[in-house]
Amino acid sequence: MMEKEPEKGKQPLNSYVKYSSMGFQMIGIIGVFTFIGYKLDQNQQTQTPYYTAGLSLIGVAISLYFIFKTIKE
């Protein structure tokens, strides 16, 4: 059987949904890691927010990894 080709009108909508969901995924990952760092800084009562800065950078790296992995597919 021949596979049915997707309708041309729905292709831009699917791309829009895919890439906007990737943006929300990035915001979620970075937000969770930053929140954990913030809570660790509060718990340790540090003067400089090292945990917040470090974990937010780790969150950025992880979210970029997922973005590149999704785009590669």
C-alpha atoms as a PDB file:
ATOM      1  CA  MET A   1       0.000   0.000   0.000  1.00  0.00           C
ATOM      2  CA  MET A   2       1.132   3.511  -0.681  1.00  0.00           C
ATOM      3  CA  GLU A   3       1.532   5.799   2.245  1.00  0.00           C
ATOM      4  CA  LYS A   4      -0.727   8.790   2.379  1.00  0.00           C
ATOM      5  CA  GLU A   5       1.102  12.083   1.931  1.00  0.00           C
ATOM      6  CA  PRO A   6       0.433  14.693   4.613  1.00  0.00           C
ATOM      7  CA  GLU A   7      -1.674  17.608   3.553  1.00  0.00           C
ATOM      8  CA  LYS A   8       0.371  20.639   2.597  1.00  0.00           C
ATOM      9  CA  GLY A   9      -1.696  22.972   4.759  1.00  0.00           C
ATOM     10  CA  LYS A  10      -0.976  21.043   7.941  1.00  0.00           C
ATOM     11  CA  GLN A  11       2.824  20.917   7.501  1.00  0.00           C
ATOM     12  CA  PRO A  12       3.508  24.483   8.762  1.00  0.00           C
ATOM     13  CA  LEU A  13       1.172  23.931  11.702  1.00  0.00           C
ATOM     14  CA  ASN A  14       2.986  20.743  12.696  1.00  0.00           C
ATOM     15  CA  SER A  15       6.355  22.533  12.522  1.00  0.00           C
ATOM     16  CA  TYR A  16       4.993  25.414  14.587  1.00  0.00           C
ATOM     17  CA  VAL A  17       3.709  23.065  17.286  1.00  0.00           C
ATOM     18  CA  LYS A  18       6.948  21.075  17.308  1.00  0.00           C
ATOM     19  CA  TYR A  19       9.226  24.088  17.697  1.00  0.00           C
ATOM     20  CA  SER A  20       7.039  25.949  20.170  1.00  0.00           C
ATOM     21  CA  SER A  21       6.868  22.860  22.373  1.00  0.00           C
ATOM     22  CA  MET A  22      10.658  22.690  22.258  1.00  0.00           C
ATOM     23  CA  GLY A  23      10.761  26.247  23.607  1.00  0.00           C
ATOM     24  CA  PHE A  24       8.458  25.377  26.474  1.00  0.00           C
ATOM     25  CA  GLN A  25      10.573  22.303  27.184  1.00  0.00           C
ATOM     26  CA  MET A  26      13.677  24.505  27.405  1.00  0.00           C
ATOM     27  CA  ILE A  27      11.945  26.927  29.756  1.00  0.00           C
ATOM     28  CA  GLY A  28      10.793  24.050  31.955  1.00  0.00           C
ATOM     29  CA  ILE A  29      14.194  22.366  32.208  1.00  0.00           C
ATOM     30  CA  ILE A  30      16.072  25.598  32.907  1.00  0.00           C
ATOM     31  CA  GLY A  31      13.404  26.710  35.381  1.00  0.00           C
ATOM     32  CA  VAL A  32      13.508  23.467  37.357  1.00  0.00           C
ATOM     33  CA  PHE A  33      17.302  23.479  37.617  1.00  0.00           C
ATOM     34  CA  THR A  34      17.378  27.158  38.589  1.00  0.00           C
ATOM     35  CA  PHE A  35      14.703  26.599  41.246  1.00  0.00           C
ATOM     36  CA  ILE A  36      16.662  23.665  42.717  1.00  0.00           C
ATOM     37  CA  GLY A  37      19.804  25.830  42.801  1.00  0.00           C
ATOM     38  CA  TYR A  38      17.884  28.655  44.448  1.00  0.00           C
ATOM     39  CA  LYS A  39      16.550  26.335  47.140  1.00  0.00           C
ATOM     40  CA  LEU A  40      20.036  24.903  47.740  1.00  0.00           C
ATOM     41  CA  ASP A  41      21.416  28.426  48.142  1.00  0.00           C
ATOM     42  CA  GLN A  42      18.667  29.226  50.636  1.00  0.00           C
ATOM     43  CA  ASN A  43      19.291  26.008  52.547  1.00  0.00           C
ATOM     44  CA  GLN A  44      23.072  26.495  52.683  1.00  0.00           C
ATOM     45  CA  GLN A  45      22.681  30.251  53.357  1.00  0.00           C
ATOM     46  CA  THR A  46      25.414  31.184  50.883  1.00  0.00           C
ATOM     47  CA  GLN A  47      26.361  34.815  50.276  1.00  0.00           C
ATOM     48  CA  THR A  48      26.890  34.280  46.528  1.00  0.00           C
ATOM     49  CA  PRO A  49      24.331  32.155  44.648  1.00  0.00           C
ATOM     50  CA  TYR A  50      26.780  29.594  43.265  1.00  0.00           C
ATOM     51  CA  TYR A  51      24.255  26.761  43.220  1.00  0.00           C
ATOM     52  CA  THR A  52      21.722  28.849  41.332  1.00  0.00           C
ATOM     53  CA  ALA A  53      24.267  29.921  38.717  1.00  0.00           C
ATOM     54  CA  GLY A  54      25.790  26.475  38.334  1.00  0.00           C
ATOM     55  CA  LEU A  55      22.558  24.540  38.116  1.00  0.00           C
ATOM     56  CA  SER A  56      20.999  27.049  35.728  1.00  0.00           C
ATOM     57  CA  LEU A  57      23.985  26.581  33.390  1.00  0.00           C
ATOM     58  CA  ILE A  58      23.614  22.821  33.686  1.00  0.00           C
ATOM     59  CA  GLY A  59      19.930  23.247  32.835  1.00  0.00           C
ATOM     60  CA  VAL A  60      20.841  25.257  29.735  1.00  0.00           C
ATOM     61  CA  ALA A  61      23.302  22.559  28.640  1.00  0.00           C
ATOM     62  CA  ILE A  62      20.762  19.769  29.149  1.00  0.00           C
ATOM     63  CA  SER A  63      18.022  21.668  27.331  1.00  0.00           C
ATOM     64  CA  LEU A  64      20.349  22.384  24.400  1.00  0.00           C
ATOM     65  CA  TYR A  65      21.215  18.689  24.271  1.00  0.00           C
ATOM     66  CA  PHE A  66      17.519  17.798  23.987  1.00  0.00           C
ATOM     67  CA  ILE A  67      16.964  20.504  21.349  1.00  0.00           C
ATOM     68  CA  PHE A  68      19.820  19.275  19.175  1.00  0.00           C
ATOM     69  CA  LYS A  69      18.717  15.684  19.632  1.00  0.00           C
ATOM     70  CA  THR A  70      15.160  16.567  18.559  1.00  0.00           C
ATOM     71  CA  ILE A  71      16.278  18.633  15.558  1.00  0.00           C
ATOM     72  CA  LYS A  72      18.601  15.856  14.404  1.00  0.00           C
ATOM     73  CA  GLU A  73      15.644  13.444  14.185  1.00  0.00           C
END
